[in-house]
Protein backbone atom coordinates (compact mmCIF):
# COMPACT_ATOMS: atom_id res chain seq x y z
CA MET A 1 -182.76 -197.29 8.96
CA SER A 2 -180.89 -198.04 12.16
CA PRO A 3 -181.46 -201.11 14.35
CA THR A 4 -182.86 -198.82 17.06
CA THR A 5 -185.83 -197.64 15.00
CA SER A 6 -188.85 -199.53 13.79
CA PRO A 7 -189.54 -199.80 10.01
CA THR A 8 -192.67 -197.64 10.02
CA THR A 9 -191.46 -194.67 12.07
CA THR A 10 -188.33 -192.82 13.10
CA ARG A 11 -189.26 -193.02 16.77
CA PRO A 12 -187.25 -195.38 18.99
CA ALA A 13 -188.40 -198.97 19.28
CA PRO A 14 -190.56 -199.54 22.39
CA ASP A 15 -188.10 -201.98 24.02
CA LEU A 16 -185.35 -199.34 24.41
CA ARG A 17 -184.47 -197.97 27.81
CA SER A 18 -185.79 -194.47 28.40
CA GLU A 19 -182.26 -193.06 28.58
CA ILE A 20 -181.47 -194.38 25.10
CA ALA A 21 -184.73 -193.00 23.77
CA GLU A 22 -183.84 -189.57 25.18
CA LEU A 23 -180.44 -189.67 23.47
CA LEU A 24 -182.02 -190.63 20.15
CA ALA A 25 -184.55 -187.81 20.46
CA ARG A 26 -181.69 -185.29 20.97
CA PRO A 27 -178.68 -186.84 19.19
CA THR A 28 -176.24 -183.93 19.62
CA ALA A 29 -174.30 -182.47 22.51
CA ASP A 30 -171.28 -180.18 22.84
CA VAL A 31 -169.34 -182.89 24.66
CA VAL A 32 -169.82 -186.65 24.85
CA ILE A 33 -167.94 -188.48 27.59
CA ILE A 34 -167.52 -192.20 27.10
CA GLY A 35 -166.98 -194.03 30.37
CA GLY A 36 -168.58 -193.42 33.73
CA GLY A 37 -165.55 -194.10 35.90
CA ILE A 38 -164.24 -191.60 38.40
CA ASN A 39 -162.60 -189.47 35.69
CA GLY A 40 -165.64 -189.53 33.42
CA LEU A 41 -167.98 -188.62 36.28
CA ALA A 42 -165.71 -185.84 37.54
CA THR A 43 -165.38 -184.41 34.04
CA PHE A 44 -169.14 -184.63 33.51
CA ARG A 45 -169.82 -182.87 36.82
CA ASP A 46 -167.33 -180.12 36.13
CA LEU A 47 -168.66 -179.43 32.63
CA ALA A 48 -172.31 -179.60 33.72
CA LEU A 49 -171.65 -177.11 36.52
CA GLN A 50 -170.19 -174.77 33.88
CA GLY A 51 -173.37 -175.03 31.81
CA VAL A 52 -171.83 -177.11 29.01
CA ASP A 53 -174.23 -179.40 27.12
CA VAL A 54 -172.66 -182.75 28.06
CA VAL A 55 -173.71 -186.39 27.79
CA LEU A 56 -172.13 -189.28 29.68
CA VAL A 57 -172.31 -192.75 28.15
CA GLU A 58 -171.47 -195.84 30.23
CA ARG A 59 -171.85 -199.48 29.21
CA ASP A 60 -172.45 -200.84 32.71
CA ASP A 61 -173.14 -199.16 36.02
CA PHE A 62 -171.20 -196.04 36.96
CA VAL A 63 -167.75 -196.73 38.45
CA SER A 64 -168.25 -200.46 37.90
CA GLY A 65 -164.84 -201.08 36.30
CA ALA A 66 -161.40 -200.06 37.51
CA SER A 67 -162.83 -197.25 39.65
CA SER A 68 -164.79 -199.76 41.73
CA ALA A 69 -161.67 -201.85 42.36
CA SER A 70 -159.52 -199.04 43.72
CA SER A 71 -158.62 -198.53 47.35
CA HIS A 72 -160.85 -195.43 47.37
CA MET A 73 -158.04 -193.52 49.06
CA ILE A 74 -157.40 -189.92 48.10
CA HIS A 75 -153.67 -189.91 48.83
CA GLY A 76 -153.03 -186.24 48.16
CA GLY A 77 -149.82 -186.89 46.23
CA ILE A 78 -147.42 -187.70 49.03
CA ARG A 79 -146.08 -190.61 47.00
CA TYR A 80 -144.83 -188.19 44.31
CA LEU A 81 -142.43 -186.46 46.70
CA GLU A 82 -139.79 -189.18 46.48
CA ASN A 83 -139.30 -188.63 42.75
CA GLY A 84 -139.38 -184.85 43.04
CA GLU A 85 -142.64 -184.50 41.14
CA PHE A 86 -143.67 -181.38 43.05
CA ARG A 87 -146.18 -180.27 40.41
CA LEU A 88 -148.05 -183.56 40.89
CA VAL A 89 -147.90 -183.17 44.67
CA GLN A 90 -149.41 -179.68 44.40
CA GLU A 91 -152.09 -180.84 41.94
CA SER A 92 -153.03 -183.84 44.11
CA VAL A 93 -153.22 -181.71 47.26
CA GLN A 94 -155.49 -179.22 45.50
CA GLU A 95 -157.75 -182.04 44.25
CA ARG A 96 -157.87 -183.61 47.71
CA ASN A 97 -158.67 -180.29 49.37
CA GLY A 98 -161.40 -179.65 46.80
CA LEU A 99 -162.94 -183.03 47.53
CA LEU A 100 -162.78 -182.34 51.27
CA ARG A 101 -164.77 -179.15 50.63
CA THR A 102 -167.29 -180.46 48.08
CA ALA A 103 -167.82 -183.99 49.39
CA PRO A 104 -167.08 -184.07 53.14
CA HIS A 105 -169.62 -186.89 53.48
CA TYR A 106 -167.34 -189.10 51.31
CA VAL A 107 -163.82 -187.82 51.92
CA LYS A 108 -162.36 -187.71 55.42
CA PRO A 109 -158.80 -187.40 56.70
CA LEU A 110 -157.43 -190.77 57.74
CA ARG A 111 -154.71 -191.05 60.35
CA THR A 112 -151.98 -193.37 59.16
CA THR A 113 -149.16 -194.91 61.17
CA VAL A 114 -145.84 -195.67 59.51
CA PRO A 115 -143.59 -197.92 61.56
CA ILE A 116 -139.96 -196.83 61.43
CA PHE A 117 -137.14 -199.11 62.50
CA SER A 118 -134.09 -196.92 61.99
CA THR A 119 -133.07 -193.29 62.14
CA PHE A 120 -130.83 -192.71 59.14
CA SER A 121 -131.72 -195.44 56.60
CA GLY A 122 -131.96 -194.11 53.07
CA ILE A 123 -130.36 -190.79 53.95
CA LEU A 124 -127.72 -191.24 51.23
CA SER A 125 -129.65 -193.22 48.63
CA ALA A 126 -132.77 -191.02 48.68
CA PRO A 127 -131.06 -187.82 47.44
CA LEU A 128 -129.26 -189.84 44.77
CA ARG A 129 -132.56 -191.43 43.70
CA PHE A 130 -134.18 -188.00 43.68
CA LEU A 131 -131.44 -186.40 41.56
CA THR A 132 -131.11 -189.25 39.05
CA HIS A 133 -134.81 -190.22 38.92
CA ARG A 134 -133.76 -193.85 39.28
CA GLN A 135 -136.61 -196.34 39.12
CA GLY A 136 -137.02 -199.52 41.11
CA ARG A 137 -137.78 -200.38 44.67
CA PRO A 138 -136.49 -197.81 47.17
CA THR A 139 -134.46 -198.81 50.18
CA GLU A 140 -135.82 -198.58 53.70
CA ARG A 141 -136.54 -195.04 54.81
CA GLY A 142 -135.40 -193.95 58.25
CA ALA A 143 -136.90 -191.41 60.65
CA ALA A 144 -134.78 -188.48 59.40
CA LEU A 145 -135.84 -189.01 55.79
CA ILE A 146 -139.52 -189.55 56.62
CA LYS A 147 -139.60 -186.49 58.88
CA THR A 148 -138.08 -184.38 56.10
CA GLY A 149 -140.60 -185.66 53.55
CA LEU A 150 -143.58 -185.12 55.84
CA THR A 151 -142.44 -181.58 56.66
CA ILE A 152 -142.19 -180.76 52.94
CA TYR A 153 -145.59 -182.34 52.36
CA ASP A 154 -147.14 -180.28 55.18
CA ALA A 155 -145.88 -177.16 53.39
CA PHE A 156 -147.77 -178.22 50.24
CA SER A 157 -150.89 -179.11 52.26
CA ARG A 158 -151.25 -175.98 54.36
CA ASP A 159 -153.20 -173.87 51.86
CA GLY A 160 -156.95 -174.40 52.08
CA GLY A 161 -157.02 -177.91 53.46
CA SER A 162 -158.44 -179.42 56.59
CA VAL A 163 -155.97 -182.28 56.85
CA PRO A 164 -154.04 -182.03 60.12
CA ARG A 165 -150.26 -181.75 60.06
CA HIS A 166 -148.30 -184.92 60.58
CA ARG A 167 -147.42 -186.18 64.04
CA PHE A 168 -144.11 -187.82 64.68
CA LEU A 169 -144.04 -190.11 67.69
CA GLY A 170 -141.08 -191.92 69.18
CA ARG A 171 -141.06 -195.61 69.98
CA LYS A 172 -142.42 -195.27 73.53
CA ALA A 173 -145.31 -192.96 72.59
CA SER A 174 -146.17 -195.07 69.54
CA LEU A 175 -146.31 -198.29 71.53
CA ALA A 176 -148.43 -196.59 74.20
CA GLU A 177 -150.91 -195.46 71.54
CA LEU A 178 -150.80 -198.69 69.50
CA PRO A 179 -149.69 -201.49 71.81
CA ALA A 180 -150.53 -204.30 69.39
């Protein structure tokens, strides 16, 4: 006898939540996902949409752990460019574009401003870092390097997305738009 059943019957004890009682009444599934964070929920959704018999088990509330503490930013993989992880860039862009299509009420493009203080900083160290996959904190990135990276990223982003291409403003136009 398990602690979830009473001694006289195999039915669930009356103090159990209805969700637990349902699981005990049907104790098998093709897939059981443990953890209702963003990855568990996404996996559950994908499998359920495919008609797979799937159960999601979560100890607390959904996305109450690490997923609730994130920045909630879908970055689209731009950060992977610096290390030459183009497969991850492509995968992240596809995921972002899919979220833009399936959840436009939650995911929206966000304009970001990157202040740049030099033109050629990092122009020598960045290719070396890229080729050797050196870890550690990168040096300052100048306008030439950032423009190159954003142009490459736009090439990855163009297929099926609704994120606008980057804009590159000079000092005068930037200060006019963002005087503070």
